[in-house]
């Protein structure tokens, strides 16, 4: 039998397998590094994209906060203007009230009764005057009570005095000023 030495062949095969293993190992390392680098780059890009979106959202929030502050200033100005308009409307509505007050005072005044003073405190009127008799004062109070512009007359004081041959009754009364329903609608 012939003797065949297989050691060089086995050593060559081992060397070849070792070179293949090292090539596969280097390829796997390169592929792993490329995969890691690609994943890292992908996620870094996603993080940068989200940061850009967050900056955009923050800029929009800042812009909206500025707009909200401006709207609140406008609302404050609106409330001030509305309150001014209401005051002006009340003043406009009250302009005719003085005319009606004096007109009603003159139309309700019976003959033989003279007013000497008139004081207004809110809606209350204090009226002082003189009359030829107590009946004329009663008639005046009835006229005030039946008027649309006055209500709830209350007599405070009647003082009767003699001036020569005539009796004069001095009186103080209070009446509440009111506004008729059709006047409020205007």
Protein backbone atom coordinates (compact mmCIF):
# COMPACT_ATOMS: atom_id res chain seq x y z
CA UNK A 1 0.00 0.00 0.00
CA UNK A 2 1.06 3.42 -0.71
CA UNK A 3 1.41 5.92 1.89
CA UNK A 4 -0.33 9.20 1.25
CA UNK A 5 0.51 12.13 3.42
CA UNK A 6 -2.73 14.07 4.02
CA UNK A 7 -1.26 16.61 6.43
CA UNK A 8 -0.46 19.30 3.84
CA UNK A 9 -3.88 18.91 2.31
CA UNK A 10 -5.55 19.15 5.72
CA UNK A 11 -3.43 22.17 6.63
CA UNK A 12 -4.37 23.85 3.35
CA UNK A 13 -8.04 23.03 3.93
CA UNK A 14 -7.79 24.36 7.48
CA UNK A 15 -6.08 27.53 6.23
CA UNK A 16 -8.75 27.97 3.57
CA UNK A 17 -11.55 27.45 6.14
CA UNK A 18 -9.85 29.90 8.52
CA UNK A 19 -9.62 32.49 5.74
CA UNK A 20 -13.30 31.92 4.88
CA UNK A 21 -14.20 32.26 8.58
CA UNK A 22 -12.24 35.51 8.86
CA UNK A 23 -13.87 36.80 5.63
CA UNK A 24 -17.33 35.87 6.91
CA UNK A 25 -16.50 37.40 10.31
CA UNK A 26 -15.24 40.63 8.69
CA UNK A 27 -18.29 40.68 6.39
CA UNK A 28 -20.60 40.17 9.37
CA UNK A 29 -18.81 42.93 11.30
CA UNK A 30 -19.02 45.29 8.31
CA UNK A 31 -22.67 44.37 7.79
CA UNK A 32 -23.38 44.83 11.55
CA UNK A 33 -21.55 48.18 11.59
CA UNK A 34 -23.43 49.31 8.47
CA UNK A 35 -26.73 48.22 10.01
CA UNK A 36 -25.90 50.02 13.29
CA UNK A 37 -24.76 53.15 11.43
CA UNK A 38 -27.88 53.10 9.21
CA UNK A 39 -30.16 52.62 12.24
CA UNK A 40 -28.33 55.34 14.12
CA UNK A 41 -28.63 57.73 11.18
CA UNK A 42 -32.33 56.87 10.71
CA UNK A 43 -33.22 57.45 14.36
CA UNK A 44 -31.05 60.59 14.57
CA UNK A 45 -32.94 61.91 11.53
CA UNK A 46 -36.27 61.04 13.19
CA UNK A 47 -35.18 62.81 16.42
CA UNK A 48 -34.09 65.89 14.44
CA UNK A 49 -37.38 65.84 12.52
CA UNK A 50 -39.35 65.65 15.81
CA UNK A 51 -37.25 68.45 17.31
CA UNK A 52 -38.02 70.59 14.24
CA UNK A 53 -41.72 69.83 14.65
CA UNK A 54 -41.52 70.69 18.35
CA UNK A 55 -39.82 74.02 17.50
CA UNK A 56 -42.55 74.74 14.95
CA UNK A 57 -45.27 73.89 17.48
CA UNK A 58 -43.54 76.07 20.10
CA UNK A 59 -43.35 78.96 17.61
CA UNK A 60 -47.05 78.55 16.83
CA UNK A 61 -47.88 78.44 20.55
CA UNK A 62 -45.90 81.65 21.08
CA UNK A 63 -47.70 83.28 18.15
CA UNK A 64 -51.08 82.11 19.50
CA UNK A 65 -50.21 83.39 22.99
CA UNK A 66 -49.49 86.79 21.46
CA UNK A 67 -52.79 86.67 19.58
CA UNK A 68 -54.65 85.62 22.74
CA UNK A 69 -53.10 88.54 24.63
CA UNK A 70 -54.16 90.86 21.81
CA UNK A 71 -57.69 89.40 21.84
CA UNK A 72 -57.87 89.85 25.62
CA UNK A 73 -56.83 93.48 25.18
CA UNK A 74 -59.50 93.88 22.52
CA UNK A 75 -62.09 92.26 24.81
CA UNK A 76 -61.11 94.66 27.59
CA UNK A 77 -61.42 97.59 25.19
CA UNK A 78 -64.77 96.20 24.00
CA UNK A 79 -66.07 95.98 27.58
CA UNK A 80 -64.95 99.56 28.25
CA UNK A 81 -66.63 100.78 25.07
CA UNK A 82 -69.83 98.90 25.88
CA UNK A 83 -69.90 100.41 29.37
CA UNK A 84 -69.36 103.88 27.87
CA UNK A 85 -72.14 103.24 25.36
CA UNK A 86 -74.48 102.15 28.14
CA UNK A 87 -73.72 105.33 30.08
CA UNK A 88 -74.35 107.41 26.97
CA UNK A 89 -77.60 105.54 26.28
CA UNK A 90 -78.73 106.12 29.86
CA UNK A 91 -77.90 109.80 29.52
CA UNK A 92 -79.74 109.97 26.19
CA UNK A 93 -82.76 108.23 27.71
CA UNK A 94 -82.67 110.57 30.71
CA UNK A 95 -82.63 113.70 28.58
CA UNK A 96 -86.33 113.52 27.92
CA UNK A 97 -86.97 112.53 31.54
CA UNK A 98 -86.33 116.06 32.82
CA UNK A 99 -88.73 117.51 30.27
CA UNK A 100 -91.40 114.97 31.20
CA UNK A 101 -90.75 115.60 34.90
CA UNK A 102 -91.42 119.32 34.65
CA UNK A 103 -94.30 118.84 32.24
CA UNK A 104 -95.99 116.39 34.62
CA UNK A 105 -95.31 118.68 37.57
CA UNK A 106 -97.09 121.50 35.78
CA UNK A 107 -100.02 119.40 34.50
CA UNK A 108 -100.70 117.80 37.88
CA UNK A 109 -100.59 121.11 39.72
CA UNK A 110 -104.13 122.21 40.69
CA UNK A 111 -105.19 125.82 40.79
CA UNK A 112 -104.45 127.59 44.06
CA UNK A 113 -101.31 125.55 44.79
CA UNK A 114 -97.80 126.93 44.28
CA UNK A 115 -94.51 125.06 44.50
CA UNK A 116 -91.62 126.72 46.31
CA UNK A 117 -88.89 124.07 46.05
CA UNK A 118 -88.13 120.81 44.33
CA UNK A 119 -85.23 118.52 45.25
CA UNK A 120 -84.34 115.28 43.52
CA UNK A 121 -82.35 112.52 45.19
CA UNK A 122 -82.13 109.52 42.86
CA UNK A 123 -85.73 108.69 41.99
CA UNK A 124 -87.16 110.47 45.05
CA UNK A 125 -88.48 114.02 44.71
CA UNK A 126 -88.99 116.28 47.71
CA UNK A 127 -91.62 118.91 46.90
CA UNK A 128 -92.39 121.91 49.08
CA UNK A 129 -95.04 124.52 48.42
CA UNK A 130 -98.07 126.49 49.58
CA UNK A 131 -101.76 125.95 48.97
CA UNK A 132 -104.94 127.85 49.69
CA UNK A 133 -106.46 124.77 51.39
CA UNK A 134 -105.69 121.24 52.49
CA UNK A 135 -108.13 119.94 49.86
CA UNK A 136 -105.90 121.32 47.11
CA UNK A 137 -102.92 119.46 48.59
CA UNK A 138 -104.99 116.26 48.62
CA UNK A 139 -106.01 116.87 45.01
CA UNK A 140 -102.36 117.43 44.06
CA UNK A 141 -101.36 114.13 45.70
CA UNK A 142 -104.15 112.32 43.81
CA UNK A 143 -102.96 113.89 40.55
CA UNK A 144 -99.38 112.79 41.28
CA UNK A 145 -100.53 109.26 42.09
CA UNK A 146 -102.58 108.99 38.88
CA UNK A 147 -99.68 110.27 36.75
CA UNK A 148 -97.57 107.80 34.76
CA UNK A 149 -94.40 109.65 35.74
CA UNK A 150 -94.93 109.69 39.52
CA UNK A 151 -95.92 107.14 42.12
CA UNK A 152 -96.31 106.72 45.85
CA UNK A 153 -96.75 110.33 47.07
CA UNK A 154 -96.25 110.73 50.83
CA UNK A 155 -97.13 113.85 52.75
CA UNK A 156 -94.58 114.78 55.41
CA UNK A 157 -95.77 118.06 56.90
CA UNK A 158 -98.68 120.51 56.58
CA UNK A 159 -98.45 123.81 58.46
CA UNK A 160 -101.42 126.10 58.40
CA UNK A 161 -100.80 129.82 58.90
CA UNK A 162 -102.97 132.90 58.64
CA UNK A 163 -101.89 135.73 56.41
CA UNK A 164 -104.34 138.50 56.77
CA UNK A 165 -107.81 137.14 55.96
CA UNK A 166 -106.56 134.03 54.13
CA UNK A 167 -105.29 130.73 55.42
CA UNK A 168 -102.15 129.37 53.77
CA UNK A 169 -101.13 125.71 54.10
CA UNK A 170 -97.41 125.06 53.66
CA UNK A 171 -96.58 121.46 52.85
CA UNK A 172 -93.69 119.09 52.27
CA UNK A 173 -94.23 115.86 50.41
CA UNK A 174 -92.16 113.15 48.75
CA UNK A 175 -92.97 111.35 45.55
CA UNK A 176 -91.19 108.65 43.61
CA UNK A 177 -90.31 109.36 39.98
CA UNK A 178 -91.08 106.49 37.59
CA UNK A 179 -90.80 105.88 33.87
CA UNK A 180 -93.84 104.63 31.92
CA UNK A 181 -93.50 101.33 30.09
CA UNK A 182 -93.76 102.83 26.62
CA UNK A 183 -90.96 105.29 27.47
CA UNK A 184 -88.63 102.45 28.47
CA UNK A 185 -89.15 100.82 25.09
CA UNK A 186 -87.78 103.87 23.25
